[in-house]
Amino acid sequence: MKPWLVVARLATAYALAQIDAGAPKVYIKLSPLIGGPRAVRVHSAIMMDSGVGDGVLGWDLVPAEPQSRATLARLATGRAADGVSRRLADADARGLYVLGAAAASADAVDAVAAARPKALRLWDNSCWTHSVAVASAALGVGGPRAIAAIARALLGRAQAAPAPAVTPPSRDATAAAFADEKAARFGADLGSLLSAEERRRAARTARAIEAAIRDAED
């Protein structure tokens, strides 16, 4: 691995360690251009924890008519095209890159995004320019520090990956009956003292005993 990548990843690890557990985070999301190849993720959006479950809110700037030839011609020749500042929402932060802890409310970031110019130009007001301004507001830092946070997150591959929900194992009927019988005899739910693996072994043992008794009766 190249030394500058090692430095970027160490810096990213240090920055992430400074975020208080449970604090709302700010992220950058990369995605394909509207109508562009799915593998080429060059469009950026800034996202932030919504505070409702795992949901995230976001902001980006896109052309008003992204697949129009006139729009493409204007952007390709350095002219302005009509843009739209969008408010986004995703179910969770999976696949997003962590920039840091949020220092502003979603309403405050909304105001900054809404006040920015909508005329989209590749050289001075692209989706990336919009992302830097929104990230600056969300993180509570200046533009250069917002750019540094974005570069550090992308180079350091600071992707968020929420842990999948763990479904508790269903209670085996035979093991449950066995535990209930023990509780009735000894005044305690002994099954609650067993680990999941021990309960599974107890269930298998109980089934084997029942099968042996049935065989003996036949």
N, C-alpha and C. Protein backbone atom coordinates (compact mmCIF):
# COMPACT_ATOMS: atom_id res chain seq x y z
N MET A 1 0.85 -1.19 0.00
CA MET A 1 0.00 0.00 0.00
C MET A 1 0.89 1.25 0.00
N LYS A 2 0.49 2.26 -0.78
CA LYS A 2 1.28 3.47 -0.88
C LYS A 2 1.27 4.24 0.44
N PRO A 3 2.41 4.89 0.78
CA PRO A 3 2.50 5.59 2.07
C PRO A 3 1.40 6.62 2.28
N TRP A 4 1.01 7.34 1.23
CA TRP A 4 -0.01 8.39 1.42
C TRP A 4 -1.37 7.78 1.72
N LEU A 5 -1.60 6.55 1.22
CA LEU A 5 -2.85 5.87 1.56
C LEU A 5 -2.84 5.42 3.02
N VAL A 6 -1.67 4.97 3.47
CA VAL A 6 -1.54 4.56 4.87
C VAL A 6 -1.81 5.76 5.77
N VAL A 7 -1.23 6.91 5.41
CA VAL A 7 -1.44 8.13 6.20
C VAL A 7 -2.92 8.51 6.20
N ALA A 8 -3.56 8.43 5.03
CA ALA A 8 -4.98 8.80 4.93
C ALA A 8 -5.83 7.90 5.80
N ARG A 9 -5.54 6.63 5.80
CA ARG A 9 -6.35 5.70 6.58
C ARG A 9 -6.11 5.85 8.08
N LEU A 10 -4.87 6.15 8.45
CA LEU A 10 -4.59 6.42 9.87
C LEU A 10 -5.30 7.69 10.32
N ALA A 11 -5.27 8.71 9.47
CA ALA A 11 -5.96 9.96 9.81
C ALA A 11 -7.45 9.74 9.92
N THR A 12 -7.99 8.92 9.03
CA THR A 12 -9.41 8.61 9.08
C THR A 12 -9.77 7.88 10.35
N ALA A 13 -8.96 6.88 10.71
CA ALA A 13 -9.21 6.12 11.94
C ALA A 13 -9.18 7.02 13.15
N TYR A 14 -8.22 7.96 13.17
CA TYR A 14 -8.13 8.89 14.31
C TYR A 14 -9.35 9.79 14.36
N ALA A 15 -9.77 10.32 13.19
CA ALA A 15 -10.92 11.23 13.15
C ALA A 15 -12.19 10.52 13.60
N LEU A 16 -12.37 9.29 13.18
CA LEU A 16 -13.57 8.55 13.57
C LEU A 16 -13.57 8.25 15.06
N ALA A 17 -12.38 8.05 15.62
CA ALA A 17 -12.29 7.75 17.05
C ALA A 17 -12.68 8.95 17.91
N GLN A 18 -12.64 10.15 17.34
CA GLN A 18 -13.00 11.35 18.08
C GLN A 18 -14.50 11.58 18.15
N ILE A 19 -15.27 10.84 17.36
CA ILE A 19 -16.73 11.02 17.34
C ILE A 19 -17.34 10.28 18.52
N ASP A 20 -18.09 10.99 19.33
CA ASP A 20 -18.73 10.37 20.48
C ASP A 20 -19.71 9.29 20.03
N ALA A 21 -19.74 8.19 20.77
CA ALA A 21 -20.68 7.12 20.45
C ALA A 21 -22.11 7.65 20.53
N GLY A 22 -22.88 7.36 19.52
CA GLY A 22 -24.27 7.80 19.50
C GLY A 22 -24.48 9.18 18.93
N ALA A 23 -23.39 9.93 18.67
CA ALA A 23 -23.53 11.28 18.11
C ALA A 23 -23.98 11.18 16.66
N PRO A 24 -24.85 12.07 16.19
CA PRO A 24 -25.25 12.04 14.78
C PRO A 24 -24.06 12.34 13.88
N LYS A 25 -23.96 11.66 12.78
CA LYS A 25 -22.81 11.78 11.89
C LYS A 25 -23.20 12.42 10.56
N VAL A 26 -22.18 12.95 9.90
CA VAL A 26 -22.33 13.51 8.55
C VAL A 26 -21.57 12.59 7.61
N TYR A 27 -22.14 12.36 6.42
CA TYR A 27 -21.55 11.43 5.45
C TYR A 27 -21.51 12.06 4.07
N ILE A 28 -20.71 11.47 3.19
CA ILE A 28 -20.79 11.80 1.78
C ILE A 28 -21.19 10.54 1.03
N LYS A 29 -22.07 10.72 0.08
CA LYS A 29 -22.57 9.60 -0.72
C LYS A 29 -22.13 9.78 -2.17
N LEU A 30 -21.58 8.75 -2.75
CA LEU A 30 -21.21 8.76 -4.16
C LEU A 30 -22.21 7.92 -4.94
N SER A 31 -22.61 8.41 -6.10
CA SER A 31 -23.57 7.68 -6.93
C SER A 31 -23.33 8.01 -8.40
N PRO A 32 -23.88 7.22 -9.32
CA PRO A 32 -23.73 7.54 -10.75
C PRO A 32 -24.47 8.82 -11.10
N LEU A 33 -24.04 9.47 -12.17
CA LEU A 33 -24.80 10.59 -12.72
C LEU A 33 -26.15 10.08 -13.20
N ILE A 34 -27.16 10.92 -13.16
CA ILE A 34 -28.50 10.51 -13.62
C ILE A 34 -28.41 10.11 -15.08
N GLY A 35 -28.77 8.87 -15.36
CA GLY A 35 -28.69 8.36 -16.73
C GLY A 35 -27.30 7.89 -17.13
N GLY A 36 -26.32 8.01 -16.24
CA GLY A 36 -24.96 7.60 -16.57
C GLY A 36 -24.69 6.15 -16.20
N PRO A 37 -23.50 5.65 -16.54
CA PRO A 37 -23.16 4.27 -16.20
C PRO A 37 -23.14 4.04 -14.70
N ARG A 38 -23.72 2.92 -14.27
CA ARG A 38 -23.86 2.65 -12.84
C ARG A 38 -22.52 2.46 -12.14
N ALA A 39 -21.52 2.02 -12.87
CA ALA A 39 -20.22 1.74 -12.25
C ALA A 39 -19.41 3.01 -12.01
N VAL A 40 -19.81 4.11 -12.64
CA VAL A 40 -19.04 5.35 -12.52
C VAL A 40 -19.75 6.27 -11.52
N ARG A 41 -19.29 6.24 -10.28
CA ARG A 41 -19.96 7.00 -9.21
C ARG A 41 -19.21 8.32 -8.99
N VAL A 42 -19.62 9.35 -9.73
CA VAL A 42 -18.93 10.64 -9.65
C VAL A 42 -19.85 11.74 -9.11
N HIS A 43 -21.10 11.42 -8.85
CA HIS A 43 -22.01 12.41 -8.27
C HIS A 43 -21.92 12.34 -6.75
N SER A 44 -21.94 13.50 -6.10
CA SER A 44 -21.81 13.52 -4.64
C SER A 44 -23.05 14.13 -3.99
N ALA A 45 -23.33 13.66 -2.78
CA ALA A 45 -24.40 14.22 -1.95
C ALA A 45 -23.93 14.13 -0.51
N ILE A 46 -24.34 15.07 0.31
CA ILE A 46 -24.03 15.05 1.73
C ILE A 46 -25.24 14.51 2.48
N MET A 47 -25.00 13.57 3.39
CA MET A 47 -26.07 12.94 4.16
C MET A 47 -25.79 13.14 5.65
N MET A 48 -26.84 13.04 6.45
CA MET A 48 -26.70 13.22 7.90
C MET A 48 -27.71 12.34 8.62
N ASP A 49 -27.33 11.81 9.76
CA ASP A 49 -28.27 11.00 10.55
C ASP A 49 -29.52 11.82 10.85
N SER A 50 -30.67 11.19 10.64
CA SER A 50 -31.94 11.91 10.83
C SER A 50 -32.40 11.94 12.28
N GLY A 51 -31.88 11.01 13.09
CA GLY A 51 -32.34 10.91 14.47
C GLY A 51 -33.56 10.03 14.62
N VAL A 52 -34.06 9.50 13.51
CA VAL A 52 -35.20 8.59 13.53
C VAL A 52 -34.73 7.22 13.05
N GLY A 53 -34.54 6.29 13.98
CA GLY A 53 -34.03 4.97 13.60
C GLY A 53 -32.65 5.09 12.95
N ASP A 54 -32.44 4.31 11.89
CA ASP A 54 -31.17 4.35 11.16
C ASP A 54 -31.22 5.31 9.97
N GLY A 55 -32.33 6.02 9.80
CA GLY A 55 -32.53 6.85 8.62
C GLY A 55 -31.53 8.00 8.51
N VAL A 56 -31.27 8.40 7.26
CA VAL A 56 -30.40 9.55 6.99
C VAL A 56 -31.09 10.50 6.03
N LEU A 57 -30.78 11.78 6.19
CA LEU A 57 -31.26 12.82 5.29
C LEU A 57 -30.10 13.32 4.45
N GLY A 58 -30.39 13.93 3.30
CA GLY A 58 -29.29 14.38 2.47
C GLY A 58 -29.66 15.55 1.57
N TRP A 59 -28.60 16.09 0.94
CA TRP A 59 -28.74 17.25 0.07
C TRP A 59 -27.80 17.09 -1.11
N ASP A 60 -28.30 17.42 -2.32
CA ASP A 60 -27.42 17.44 -3.48
C ASP A 60 -27.92 18.47 -4.50
N LEU A 61 -27.15 18.66 -5.55
CA LEU A 61 -27.49 19.59 -6.62
C LEU A 61 -27.40 18.84 -7.93
N VAL A 62 -28.50 18.84 -8.70
CA VAL A 62 -28.54 18.12 -9.98
C VAL A 62 -29.12 19.04 -11.04
N PRO A 63 -28.86 18.75 -12.32
CA PRO A 63 -29.50 19.54 -13.39
C PRO A 63 -31.01 19.36 -13.37
N ALA A 64 -31.73 20.42 -13.72
CA ALA A 64 -33.19 20.33 -13.77
C ALA A 64 -33.63 19.34 -14.85
N GLU A 65 -32.89 19.28 -15.93
CA GLU A 65 -33.18 18.33 -17.02
C GLU A 65 -31.89 17.57 -17.34
N PRO A 66 -31.55 16.58 -16.49
CA PRO A 66 -30.23 15.94 -16.57
C PRO A 66 -29.95 15.18 -17.85
N GLN A 67 -30.98 14.72 -18.55
CA GLN A 67 -30.74 13.93 -19.75
C GLN A 67 -31.04 14.70 -21.03
N SER A 68 -31.23 16.00 -20.88
CA SER A 68 -31.47 16.84 -22.06
C SER A 68 -30.15 17.11 -22.78
N ARG A 69 -30.20 17.06 -24.12
CA ARG A 69 -28.98 17.36 -24.89
C ARG A 69 -28.54 18.80 -24.69
N ALA A 70 -29.52 19.69 -24.54
CA ALA A 70 -29.18 21.10 -24.33
C ALA A 70 -28.43 21.27 -23.02
N THR A 71 -28.87 20.56 -21.98
CA THR A 71 -28.18 20.63 -20.68
C THR A 71 -26.76 20.13 -20.81
N LEU A 72 -26.58 18.97 -21.46
CA LEU A 72 -25.24 18.40 -21.62
C LEU A 72 -24.34 19.33 -22.41
N ALA A 73 -24.91 19.96 -23.47
CA ALA A 73 -24.11 20.87 -24.29
C ALA A 73 -23.67 22.09 -23.50
N ARG A 74 -24.56 22.63 -22.68
CA ARG A 74 -24.22 23.81 -21.89
C ARG A 74 -23.13 23.48 -20.87
N LEU A 75 -23.28 22.34 -20.18
CA LEU A 75 -22.29 21.97 -19.17
C LEU A 75 -20.94 21.66 -19.80
N ALA A 76 -20.97 20.98 -20.94
CA ALA A 76 -19.72 20.59 -21.60
C ALA A 76 -18.95 21.79 -22.12
N THR A 77 -19.64 22.89 -22.41
CA THR A 77 -18.98 24.09 -22.92
C THR A 77 -18.76 25.14 -21.83
N GLY A 78 -18.92 24.74 -20.56
CA GLY A 78 -18.63 25.64 -19.45
C GLY A 78 -19.71 26.64 -19.12
N ARG A 79 -20.88 26.49 -19.75
CA ARG A 79 -21.98 27.42 -19.45
C ARG A 79 -22.86 26.86 -18.34
N ALA A 80 -23.72 27.73 -17.80
CA ALA A 80 -24.59 27.33 -16.69
C ALA A 80 -25.83 26.62 -17.22
N ALA A 81 -26.32 25.67 -16.41
CA ALA A 81 -27.59 24.98 -16.70
C ALA A 81 -28.46 25.09 -15.46
N ASP A 82 -29.76 25.09 -15.66
CA ASP A 82 -30.67 25.16 -14.51
C ASP A 82 -30.44 23.95 -13.61
N GLY A 83 -30.36 24.21 -12.33
CA GLY A 83 -30.16 23.13 -11.36
C GLY A 83 -31.27 23.07 -10.34
N VAL A 84 -31.32 21.96 -9.63
CA VAL A 84 -32.31 21.74 -8.58
C VAL A 84 -31.57 21.26 -7.33
N SER A 85 -31.79 21.96 -6.23
CA SER A 85 -31.23 21.54 -4.94
C SER A 85 -32.22 20.57 -4.30
N ARG A 86 -31.82 19.32 -4.15
CA ARG A 86 -32.75 18.29 -3.68
C ARG A 86 -32.53 17.97 -2.21
N ARG A 87 -33.61 17.55 -1.57
CA ARG A 87 -33.56 16.99 -0.21
C ARG A 87 -33.76 15.49 -0.36
N LEU A 88 -32.83 14.71 0.17
CA LEU A 88 -32.82 13.26 -0.02
C LEU A 88 -33.13 12.54 1.29
N ALA A 89 -33.41 11.26 1.17
CA ALA A 89 -33.62 10.41 2.36
C ALA A 89 -33.26 8.98 1.99
N ASP A 90 -32.57 8.31 2.89
CA ASP A 90 -32.23 6.89 2.73
C ASP A 90 -32.60 6.15 4.01
N ALA A 91 -32.77 4.84 3.88
CA ALA A 91 -33.17 4.03 5.02
C ALA A 91 -32.07 3.92 6.07
N ASP A 92 -30.81 3.93 5.64
CA ASP A 92 -29.69 3.85 6.58
C ASP A 92 -28.42 4.38 5.92
N ALA A 93 -27.32 4.33 6.66
CA ALA A 93 -26.07 4.91 6.17
C ALA A 93 -25.16 3.90 5.50
N ARG A 94 -25.69 2.74 5.20
CA ARG A 94 -24.86 1.69 4.59
C ARG A 94 -24.23 2.19 3.28
N GLY A 95 -22.89 2.03 3.16
CA GLY A 95 -22.19 2.42 1.94
C GLY A 95 -21.79 3.88 1.88
N LEU A 96 -22.20 4.69 2.86
CA LEU A 96 -21.80 6.09 2.87
C LEU A 96 -20.44 6.24 3.55
N TYR A 97 -19.78 7.36 3.27
CA TYR A 97 -18.46 7.62 3.86
C TYR A 97 -18.60 8.64 4.99
N VAL A 98 -18.06 8.31 6.15
CA VAL A 98 -18.22 9.15 7.34
C VAL A 98 -17.27 10.35 7.28
N LEU A 99 -17.85 11.56 7.42
CA LEU A 99 -17.04 12.77 7.44
C LEU A 99 -16.72 13.22 8.86
N GLY A 100 -17.67 13.06 9.77
CA GLY A 100 -17.46 13.49 11.14
C GLY A 100 -18.78 13.64 11.87
N ALA A 101 -18.72 14.24 13.05
CA ALA A 101 -19.92 14.43 13.86
C ALA A 101 -20.67 15.67 13.39
N ALA A 102 -21.98 15.57 13.38
CA ALA A 102 -22.81 16.71 12.99
C ALA A 102 -22.73 17.82 14.04
N ALA A 103 -22.61 19.07 13.57
CA ALA A 103 -22.55 20.21 14.48
C ALA A 103 -23.71 21.17 14.23
N ALA A 104 -24.65 20.77 13.38
CA ALA A 104 -25.80 21.61 13.06
C ALA A 104 -27.02 20.74 12.89
N SER A 105 -28.18 21.33 13.03
CA SER A 105 -29.43 20.60 12.83
C SER A 105 -29.73 20.46 11.35
N ALA A 106 -30.63 19.54 11.03
CA ALA A 106 -31.03 19.37 9.63
C ALA A 106 -31.68 20.64 9.10
N ASP A 107 -32.43 21.33 9.93
CA ASP A 107 -33.07 22.58 9.49
C ASP A 107 -32.04 23.63 9.12
N ALA A 108 -30.97 23.72 9.92
CA ALA A 108 -29.92 24.70 9.62
C ALA A 108 -29.22 24.37 8.30
N VAL A 109 -28.98 23.08 8.08
CA VAL A 109 -28.34 22.66 6.83
C VAL A 109 -29.29 22.90 5.65
N ASP A 110 -30.58 22.65 5.87
CA ASP A 110 -31.59 22.95 4.85
C ASP A 110 -31.49 24.40 4.39
N ALA A 111 -31.38 25.30 5.35
CA ALA A 111 -31.34 26.73 5.04
C ALA A 111 -30.12 27.07 4.18
N VAL A 112 -28.97 26.47 4.53
CA VAL A 112 -27.75 26.73 3.76
C VAL A 112 -27.90 26.19 2.34
N ALA A 113 -28.41 24.96 2.20
CA ALA A 113 -28.57 24.36 0.87
C ALA A 113 -29.55 25.17 0.02
N ALA A 114 -30.64 25.63 0.66
CA ALA A 114 -31.66 26.38 -0.09
C ALA A 114 -31.15 27.74 -0.54
N ALA A 115 -30.23 28.33 0.22
CA ALA A 115 -29.73 29.67 -0.11
C ALA A 115 -28.66 29.66 -1.19
N ARG A 116 -28.12 28.50 -1.51
CA ARG A 116 -27.04 28.44 -2.50
C ARG A 116 -27.58 28.65 -3.91
N PRO A 117 -26.73 29.15 -4.83
CA PRO A 117 -27.17 29.35 -6.22
C PRO A 117 -27.55 28.03 -6.87
N LYS A 118 -28.57 28.07 -7.71
CA LYS A 118 -29.06 26.85 -8.37
C LYS A 118 -28.48 26.66 -9.77
N ALA A 119 -27.89 27.71 -10.32
CA ALA A 119 -27.30 27.58 -11.66
C ALA A 119 -26.09 26.66 -11.57
N LEU A 120 -26.14 25.55 -12.28
CA LEU A 120 -25.11 24.52 -12.16
C LEU A 120 -24.05 24.73 -13.24
N ARG A 121 -22.80 24.85 -12.82
CA ARG A 121 -21.66 24.96 -13.73
C ARG A 121 -20.57 24.03 -13.23
N LEU A 122 -19.93 23.30 -14.14
CA LEU A 122 -18.93 22.33 -13.73
C LEU A 122 -17.72 22.97 -13.07
N TRP A 123 -17.40 24.19 -13.45
CA TRP A 123 -16.15 24.78 -12.97
C TRP A 123 -16.30 25.56 -11.67
N ASP A 124 -17.53 26.00 -11.30
CA ASP A 124 -17.61 26.75 -10.05
C ASP A 124 -18.87 26.47 -9.22
N ASN A 125 -19.78 25.66 -9.71
CA ASN A 125 -20.95 25.32 -8.88
C ASN A 125 -21.49 23.94 -9.29
N SER A 126 -20.64 22.95 -9.15
CA SER A 126 -21.02 21.58 -9.48
C SER A 126 -21.64 20.91 -8.26
N CYS A 127 -21.99 19.65 -8.40
CA CYS A 127 -22.51 18.91 -7.24
C CYS A 127 -21.45 18.85 -6.14
N TRP A 128 -20.18 18.83 -6.51
CA TRP A 128 -19.11 18.76 -5.52
C TRP A 128 -18.96 20.07 -4.77
N THR A 129 -19.10 21.19 -5.50
CA THR A 129 -19.07 22.50 -4.83
C THR A 129 -20.20 22.60 -3.83
N HIS A 130 -21.38 22.14 -4.25
CA HIS A 130 -22.55 22.13 -3.37
C HIS A 130 -22.28 21.25 -2.15
N SER A 131 -21.69 20.09 -2.37
CA SER A 131 -21.41 19.17 -1.27
C SER A 131 -20.45 19.78 -0.25
N VAL A 132 -19.44 20.49 -0.73
CA VAL A 132 -18.48 21.12 0.19
C VAL A 132 -19.19 22.17 1.04
N ALA A 133 -20.05 22.98 0.43
CA ALA A 133 -20.76 24.01 1.19
C ALA A 133 -21.70 23.40 2.22
N VAL A 134 -22.41 22.34 1.83
CA VAL A 134 -23.34 21.69 2.74
C VAL A 134 -22.58 20.97 3.86
N ALA A 135 -21.49 20.29 3.50
CA ALA A 135 -20.68 19.61 4.52
C ALA A 135 -20.10 20.61 5.51
N SER A 136 -19.69 21.76 5.01
CA SER A 136 -19.16 22.80 5.88
C SER A 136 -20.19 23.23 6.92
N ALA A 137 -21.45 23.39 6.48
CA ALA A 137 -22.53 23.76 7.40
C ALA A 137 -22.83 22.64 8.38
N ALA A 138 -22.90 21.41 7.88
CA ALA A 138 -23.26 20.28 8.73
C ALA A 138 -22.20 19.97 9.77
N LEU A 139 -20.93 20.13 9.40
CA LEU A 139 -19.82 19.83 10.31
C LEU A 139 -19.46 21.02 11.19
N GLY A 140 -19.92 22.22 10.81
CA GLY A 140 -19.57 23.41 11.57
C GLY A 140 -18.13 23.82 11.38
N VAL A 141 -17.60 23.64 10.16
CA VAL A 141 -16.21 24.00 9.87
C VAL A 141 -16.17 24.84 8.61
N GLY A 142 -14.99 25.40 8.32
CA GLY A 142 -14.82 26.17 7.10
C GLY A 142 -14.69 25.28 5.88
N GLY A 143 -14.72 25.90 4.70
CA GLY A 143 -14.63 25.16 3.45
C GLY A 143 -13.39 24.28 3.32
N PRO A 144 -12.19 24.81 3.62
CA PRO A 144 -10.98 23.97 3.51
C PRO A 144 -11.03 22.73 4.40
N ARG A 145 -11.56 22.88 5.61
CA ARG A 145 -11.65 21.71 6.50
C ARG A 145 -12.71 20.73 6.02
N ALA A 146 -13.76 21.24 5.40
CA ALA A 146 -14.77 20.35 4.83
C ALA A 146 -14.17 19.56 3.66
N ILE A 147 -13.38 20.23 2.84
CA ILE A 147 -12.70 19.54 1.72
C ILE A 147 -11.75 18.47 2.27
N ALA A 148 -11.02 18.81 3.33
CA ALA A 148 -10.09 17.84 3.93
C ALA A 148 -10.84 16.64 4.49
N ALA A 149 -12.01 16.89 5.11
CA ALA A 149 -12.79 15.78 5.68
C ALA A 149 -13.29 14.86 4.56
N ILE A 150 -13.71 15.45 3.44
CA ILE A 150 -14.19 14.64 2.31
C ILE A 150 -13.04 13.82 1.73
N ALA A 151 -11.89 14.46 1.52
CA ALA A 151 -10.74 13.74 0.96
C ALA A 151 -10.30 12.62 1.90
N ARG A 152 -10.25 12.92 3.19
CA ARG A 152 -9.82 11.91 4.17
C ARG A 152 -10.79 10.72 4.18
N ALA A 153 -12.10 11.01 4.14
CA ALA A 153 -13.09 9.93 4.18
C ALA A 153 -13.00 9.04 2.95
N LEU A 154 -12.85 9.66 1.78
CA LEU A 154 -12.82 8.88 0.54
C LEU A 154 -11.52 8.10 0.40
N LEU A 155 -10.40 8.75 0.70
CA LEU A 155 -9.11 8.06 0.58
C LEU A 155 -8.95 7.01 1.67
N GLY A 156 -9.50 7.30 2.85
CA GLY A 156 -9.39 6.36 3.96
C GLY A 156 -10.46 5.29 3.95
N ARG A 157 -11.37 5.39 2.98
CA ARG A 157 -12.46 4.39 2.84
C ARG A 157 -13.25 4.23 4.14
N ALA A 158 -13.66 5.37 4.69
CA ALA A 158 -14.38 5.34 5.97
C ALA A 158 -15.86 5.08 5.75
N GLN A 159 -16.16 3.91 5.21
CA GLN A 159 -17.56 3.58 4.93
C GLN A 159 -18.30 3.14 6.19
N ALA A 160 -19.53 3.61 6.29
CA ALA A 160 -20.39 3.18 7.39
C ALA A 160 -21.07 1.88 7.00
N ALA A 161 -21.19 0.96 7.95
CA ALA A 161 -21.85 -0.31 7.70
C ALA A 161 -22.63 -0.71 8.93
N PRO A 162 -23.88 -0.23 9.06
CA PRO A 162 -24.68 -0.59 10.23
C PRO A 162 -24.78 -2.10 10.38
N ALA A 163 -24.66 -2.57 11.60
CA ALA A 163 -24.77 -4.00 11.86
C ALA A 163 -26.19 -4.46 11.55
N PRO A 164 -26.34 -5.56 10.81
CA PRO A 164 -27.69 -6.06 10.54
C PRO A 164 -28.40 -6.46 11.81
N ALA A 165 -29.70 -6.30 11.79
CA ALA A 165 -30.49 -6.68 12.96
C ALA A 165 -30.36 -8.18 13.21
N VAL A 166 -30.21 -8.54 14.46
CA VAL A 166 -30.08 -9.95 14.83
C VAL A 166 -31.44 -10.46 15.27
N THR A 167 -31.91 -11.49 14.59
CA THR A 167 -33.19 -12.09 14.94
C THR A 167 -32.98 -13.11 16.03
N PRO A 168 -33.64 -12.95 17.17
CA PRO A 168 -33.45 -13.92 18.26
C PRO A 168 -33.91 -15.31 17.84
N PRO A 169 -33.20 -16.35 18.24
CA PRO A 169 -33.61 -17.70 17.87
C PRO A 169 -34.97 -18.04 18.46
N SER A 170 -35.75 -18.76 17.67
CA SER A 170 -37.06 -19.16 18.16
C SER A 170 -36.89 -20.21 19.26
N ARG A 171 -37.82 -20.24 20.19
CA ARG A 171 -37.73 -21.16 21.33
C ARG A 171 -38.24 -22.53 20.92
N ASP A 172 -37.39 -23.52 21.03
CA ASP A 172 -37.77 -24.88 20.67
C ASP A 172 -38.84 -25.38 21.63
N ALA A 173 -39.92 -25.97 21.10
CA ALA A 173 -41.05 -26.40 21.93
C ALA A 173 -40.65 -27.46 22.94
N THR A 174 -39.84 -28.43 22.50
CA THR A 174 -39.43 -29.51 23.41
C THR A 174 -38.53 -28.98 24.52
N ALA A 175 -37.58 -28.11 24.15
CA ALA A 175 -36.70 -27.53 25.14
C ALA A 175 -37.48 -26.65 26.11
N ALA A 176 -38.49 -25.94 25.58
CA ALA A 176 -39.31 -25.08 26.43
C ALA A 176 -40.08 -25.91 27.46
N ALA A 177 -40.66 -27.03 27.00
CA ALA A 177 -41.40 -27.90 27.92
C ALA A 177 -40.47 -28.49 28.98
N PHE A 178 -39.27 -28.84 28.56
CA PHE A 178 -38.27 -29.40 29.47
C PHE A 178 -37.91 -28.36 30.55
N ALA A 179 -37.70 -27.08 30.10
CA ALA A 179 -37.34 -26.03 31.04
C ALA A 179 -38.49 -25.72 31.98
N ASP A 180 -39.72 -25.71 31.45
CA ASP A 180 -40.88 -25.43 32.29
C ASP A 180 -41.07 -26.50 33.37
N GLU A 181 -40.83 -27.76 33.01
CA GLU A 181 -40.95 -28.86 33.97
C GLU A 181 -39.92 -28.69 35.08
N LYS A 182 -38.69 -28.31 34.69
CA LYS A 182 -37.65 -28.08 35.68
C LYS A 182 -38.03 -26.94 36.62
N ALA A 183 -38.60 -25.87 36.02
CA ALA A 183 -38.99 -24.71 36.82
C ALA A 183 -40.08 -25.09 37.82
N ALA A 184 -41.04 -25.93 37.38
CA ALA A 184 -42.13 -26.34 38.26
C ALA A 184 -41.61 -27.18 39.42
N ARG A 185 -40.59 -27.98 39.17
CA ARG A 185 -40.06 -28.86 40.22
C ARG A 185 -39.13 -28.13 41.18
N PHE A 186 -38.30 -27.19 40.62
CA PHE A 186 -37.25 -26.60 41.43
C PHE A 186 -37.47 -25.11 41.73
N GLY A 187 -38.57 -24.54 41.24
CA GLY A 187 -38.90 -23.15 41.56
C GLY A 187 -38.05 -22.11 40.87
N ALA A 188 -37.38 -22.49 39.79
CA ALA A 188 -36.58 -21.53 39.03
C ALA A 188 -36.59 -21.94 37.57
N ASP A 189 -36.53 -20.96 36.69
CA ASP A 189 -36.47 -21.25 35.26
C ASP A 189 -35.02 -21.58 34.90
N LEU A 190 -34.69 -22.86 35.06
CA LEU A 190 -33.30 -23.24 34.84
C LEU A 190 -32.89 -23.03 33.38
N GLY A 191 -33.88 -23.10 32.48
CA GLY A 191 -33.55 -22.91 31.07
C GLY A 191 -32.98 -21.54 30.79
N SER A 192 -33.37 -20.55 31.61
CA SER A 192 -32.87 -19.19 31.39
C SER A 192 -31.39 -19.07 31.73
N LEU A 193 -30.86 -20.07 32.48
CA LEU A 193 -29.45 -20.05 32.84
C LEU A 193 -28.58 -20.67 31.76
N LEU A 194 -29.21 -21.29 30.76
CA LEU A 194 -28.46 -21.96 29.71
C LEU A 194 -28.20 -21.01 28.55
N SER A 195 -27.08 -21.22 27.87
CA SER A 195 -26.79 -20.46 26.66
C SER A 195 -27.65 -21.01 25.52
N ALA A 196 -27.68 -20.29 24.41
CA ALA A 196 -28.47 -20.74 23.26
C ALA A 196 -27.98 -22.11 22.78
N GLU A 197 -26.66 -22.30 22.76
CA GLU A 197 -26.11 -23.58 22.31
C GLU A 197 -26.48 -24.70 23.28
N GLU A 198 -26.45 -24.42 24.58
CA GLU A 198 -26.82 -25.43 25.57
C GLU A 198 -28.29 -25.79 25.46
N ARG A 199 -29.14 -24.77 25.15
CA ARG A 199 -30.57 -25.07 24.97
C ARG A 199 -30.78 -25.94 23.74
N ARG A 200 -30.02 -25.66 22.68
CA ARG A 200 -30.16 -26.49 21.48
C ARG A 200 -29.74 -27.92 21.75
N ARG A 201 -28.64 -28.08 22.51
CA ARG A 201 -28.20 -29.44 22.85
C ARG A 201 -29.23 -30.14 23.71
N ALA A 202 -29.83 -29.40 24.65
CA ALA A 202 -30.86 -30.00 25.52
C ALA A 202 -32.05 -30.44 24.69
N ALA A 203 -32.42 -29.62 23.69
CA ALA A 203 -33.55 -29.97 22.83
C ALA A 203 -33.26 -31.23 22.03
N ARG A 204 -32.03 -31.31 21.49
CA ARG A 204 -31.66 -32.51 20.72
C ARG A 204 -31.68 -33.75 21.61
N THR A 205 -31.17 -33.59 22.85
CA THR A 205 -31.15 -34.72 23.79
C THR A 205 -32.57 -35.16 24.12
N ALA A 206 -33.46 -34.19 24.38
CA ALA A 206 -34.85 -34.51 24.71
C ALA A 206 -35.53 -35.25 23.56
N ARG A 207 -35.27 -34.77 22.33
CA ARG A 207 -35.88 -35.45 21.17
C ARG A 207 -35.36 -36.86 21.03
N ALA A 208 -34.05 -37.06 21.28
CA ALA A 208 -33.47 -38.41 21.18
C ALA A 208 -34.08 -39.34 22.23
N ILE A 209 -34.29 -38.82 23.46
CA ILE A 209 -34.90 -39.63 24.52
C ILE A 209 -36.33 -40.02 24.15
N GLU A 210 -37.10 -39.03 23.65
CA GLU A 210 -38.48 -39.31 23.24
C GLU A 210 -38.53 -40.35 22.13
N ALA A 211 -37.60 -40.25 21.16
CA ALA A 211 -37.57 -41.22 20.07
C ALA A 211 -37.25 -42.61 20.60
N ALA A 212 -36.31 -42.70 21.55
CA ALA A 212 -35.94 -44.00 22.13
C ALA A 212 -37.12 -44.59 22.88
N ILE A 213 -37.88 -43.77 23.62
CA ILE A 213 -39.04 -44.28 24.36
C ILE A 213 -40.10 -44.79 23.40
N ARG A 214 -40.33 -44.05 22.30
CA ARG A 214 -41.34 -44.50 21.32
C ARG A 214 -40.93 -45.82 20.70
N ASP A 215 -39.61 -45.95 20.38
CA ASP A 215 -39.13 -47.20 19.79
C ASP A 215 -39.32 -48.37 20.75
N ALA A 216 -39.09 -48.11 22.06
CA ALA A 216 -39.22 -49.18 23.06
C ALA A 216 -40.68 -49.60 23.22
N GLU A 217 -41.61 -48.67 23.03
CA GLU A 217 -43.03 -49.00 23.19
C GLU A 217 -43.60 -49.74 21.99
N ASP A 218 -42.98 -49.54 20.81
CA ASP A 218 -43.50 -50.20 19.59
C ASP A 218 -43.21 -51.71 19.60
